[in-house]
Amino acid sequence: MALGVNYGAFSTAFSASLAGLLWRDILARKHIRVRRLDFARVNLPIIAVAMTVGCSVLIGEIYIMRNNSSYDGAVYNATNNSSSGS
């Protein structure tokens, strides 16, 4: 979910985030026009690097934190219920 949220801030469209909308308004007040294609062209490498790094970190965390035993929901539920004092 965090990757998707961060993608919106570096999207290829101004309207993908509140910051983009605010910048577009500020630039319009100063009579500076930024074409959508130019905005996308600048942001595309940033998106590629950010998503690659983010996905690599996520995969690394999953690899480090994973447990090699198979998942058994019954064992998990029994462990949690016994520790909660029920």
C-alpha atoms as a PDB file:
ATOM      1  CA  MET A   1       0.000   0.000   0.000  1.00  0.00           C
ATOM      2  CA  ALA A   2       2.840   2.385   0.796  1.00  0.00           C
ATOM      3  CA  LEU A   3       4.234   1.978  -2.695  1.00  0.00           C
ATOM      4  CA  GLY A   4       0.908   2.921  -4.238  1.00  0.00           C
ATOM      5  CA  VAL A   5       0.497   5.967  -2.037  1.00  0.00           C
ATOM      6  CA  ASN A   6       3.969   7.231  -2.872  1.00  0.00           C
ATOM      7  CA  TYR A   7       3.458   6.596  -6.570  1.00  0.00           C
ATOM      8  CA  GLY A   8       0.730   9.259  -6.622  1.00  0.00           C
ATOM      9  CA  ALA A   9       3.147  11.956  -5.523  1.00  0.00           C
ATOM     10  CA  PHE A  10       5.576  11.195  -8.362  1.00  0.00           C
ATOM     11  CA  SER A  11       2.984  10.385 -10.965  1.00  0.00           C
ATOM     12  CA  THR A  12       3.113  11.594 -14.534  1.00  0.00           C
ATOM     13  CA  ALA A  13       0.062  13.803 -13.925  1.00  0.00           C
ATOM     14  CA  PHE A  14      -0.072  17.042 -11.944  1.00  0.00           C
ATOM     15  CA  SER A  15      -3.456  16.143 -10.502  1.00  0.00           C
ATOM     16  CA  ALA A  16      -2.233  12.916  -8.882  1.00  0.00           C
ATOM     17  CA  SER A  17      -1.397  14.645  -5.603  1.00  0.00           C
ATOM     18  CA  LEU A  18      -2.320  17.716  -3.622  1.00  0.00           C
ATOM     19  CA  ALA A  19       1.238  19.020  -3.950  1.00  0.00           C
ATOM     20  CA  GLY A  20       0.967  18.768  -7.733  1.00  0.00           C
ATOM     21  CA  LEU A  21      -2.278  20.730  -7.745  1.00  0.00           C
ATOM     22  CA  LEU A  22      -0.763  23.408  -5.525  1.00  0.00           C
ATOM     23  CA  TRP A  23       2.323  23.709  -7.722  1.00  0.00           C
ATOM     24  CA  ARG A  24       0.195  23.940 -10.838  1.00  0.00           C
ATOM     25  CA  ASP A  25      -1.794  26.774  -9.246  1.00  0.00           C
ATOM     26  CA  ILE A  26       1.362  28.627  -8.184  1.00  0.00           C
ATOM     27  CA  LEU A  27       2.888  28.278 -11.642  1.00  0.00           C
ATOM     28  CA  ALA A  28      -0.328  29.463 -13.296  1.00  0.00           C
ATOM     29  CA  ARG A  29      -0.330  32.597 -11.117  1.00  0.00           C
ATOM     30  CA  LYS A  30       3.198  33.359 -12.300  1.00  0.00           C
ATOM     31  CA  HIS A  31       2.162  32.704 -15.925  1.00  0.00           C
ATOM     32  CA  ILE A  32       4.473  29.707 -16.208  1.00  0.00           C
ATOM     33  CA  ARG A  33       3.040  26.946 -18.335  1.00  0.00           C
ATOM     34  CA  VAL A  34       4.281  23.388 -17.954  1.00  0.00           C
ATOM     35  CA  ARG A  35       3.010  20.997 -20.596  1.00  0.00           C
ATOM     36  CA  ARG A  36       1.824  17.594 -19.465  1.00  0.00           C
ATOM     37  CA  LEU A  37       4.298  15.833 -21.709  1.00  0.00           C
ATOM     38  CA  ASP A  38       7.213  17.808 -20.229  1.00  0.00           C
ATOM     39  CA  PHE A  39       6.007  17.069 -16.694  1.00  0.00           C
ATOM     40  CA  ALA A  40       5.696  13.372 -17.489  1.00  0.00           C
ATOM     41  CA  ARG A  41       9.089  13.281 -19.205  1.00  0.00           C
ATOM     42  CA  VAL A  42      10.803  14.713 -16.114  1.00  0.00           C
ATOM     43  CA  ASN A  43       8.931  12.486 -13.659  1.00  0.00           C
ATOM     44  CA  LEU A  44       9.229   9.186 -15.541  1.00  0.00           C
ATOM     45  CA  PRO A  45      12.850   8.491 -14.497  1.00  0.00           C
ATOM     46  CA  ILE A  46      12.016   9.472 -10.913  1.00  0.00           C
ATOM     47  CA  ILE A  47       9.065   7.075 -10.905  1.00  0.00           C
ATOM     48  CA  ALA A  48      11.186   4.252 -12.330  1.00  0.00           C
ATOM     49  CA  VAL A  49      13.946   4.671  -9.738  1.00  0.00           C
ATOM     50  CA  ALA A  50      11.555   5.141  -6.802  1.00  0.00           C
ATOM     51  CA  MET A  51       9.436   2.126  -7.694  1.00  0.00           C
ATOM     52  CA  THR A  52      12.510  -0.073  -8.325  1.00  0.00           C
ATOM     53  CA  VAL A  53      14.069   0.856  -4.991  1.00  0.00           C
ATOM     54  CA  GLY A  54      10.745   0.531  -3.153  1.00  0.00           C
ATOM     55  CA  CYS A  55       9.979  -2.885  -4.626  1.00  0.00           C
ATOM     56  CA  SER A  56      13.544  -4.071  -3.944  1.00  0.00           C
ATOM     57  CA  VAL A  57      13.285  -3.030  -0.305  1.00  0.00           C
ATOM     58  CA  LEU A  58       9.888  -4.699   0.025  1.00  0.00           C
ATOM     59  CA  ILE A  59      11.167  -7.946  -1.495  1.00  0.00           C
ATOM     60  CA  GLY A  60      14.216  -7.793   0.787  1.00  0.00           C
ATOM     61  CA  GLU A  61      12.048  -7.301   3.870  1.00  0.00           C
ATOM     62  CA  ILE A  62       9.820 -10.206   2.901  1.00  0.00           C
ATOM     63  CA  TYR A  63      12.855 -12.421   2.308  1.00  0.00           C
ATOM     64  CA  ILE A  64      14.425 -11.500   5.662  1.00  0.00           C
ATOM     65  CA  MET A  65      11.219 -11.670   7.728  1.00  0.00           C
ATOM     66  CA  ARG A  66       9.630 -14.750   6.206  1.00  0.00           C
ATOM     67  CA  ASN A  67       9.326 -17.982   8.101  1.00  0.00           C
ATOM     68  CA  ASN A  68      10.140 -21.166   6.212  1.00  0.00           C
ATOM     69  CA  SER A  69       7.429 -23.182   7.958  1.00  0.00           C
ATOM     70  CA  SER A  70       4.078 -23.532   6.269  1.00  0.00           C
ATOM     71  CA  TYR A  71       1.198 -21.350   7.414  1.00  0.00           C
ATOM     72  CA  ASP A  72      -1.410 -23.047   9.578  1.00  0.00           C
ATOM     73  CA  GLY A  73      -4.208 -20.701  10.592  1.00  0.00           C
ATOM     74  CA  ALA A  74      -5.431 -23.033  13.367  1.00  0.00           C
ATOM     75  CA  VAL A  75      -2.065 -22.954  15.129  1.00  0.00           C
ATOM     76  CA  TYR A  76      -1.876 -19.169  14.760  1.00  0.00           C
ATOM     77  CA  ASN A  77      -5.372 -18.675  16.194  1.00  0.00           C
ATOM     78  CA  ALA A  78      -4.749 -21.072  19.106  1.00  0.00           C
ATOM     79  CA  THR A  79      -1.512 -19.266  19.991  1.00  0.00           C
ATOM     80  CA  ASN A  80      -3.158 -15.848  19.954  1.00  0.00           C
ATOM     81  CA  ASN A  81      -6.201 -16.966  21.950  1.00  0.00           C
ATOM     82  CA  SER A  82      -4.119 -18.595  24.694  1.00  0.00           C
ATOM     83  CA  SER A  83      -1.919 -15.510  25.140  1.00  0.00           C
ATOM     84  CA  SER A  84      -4.876 -13.119  25.387  1.00  0.00           C
ATOM     85  CA  GLY A  85      -6.166 -14.725  28.588  1.00  0.00           C
ATOM     86  CA  SER A  86      -9.393 -16.089  27.088  1.00  0.00           C
END
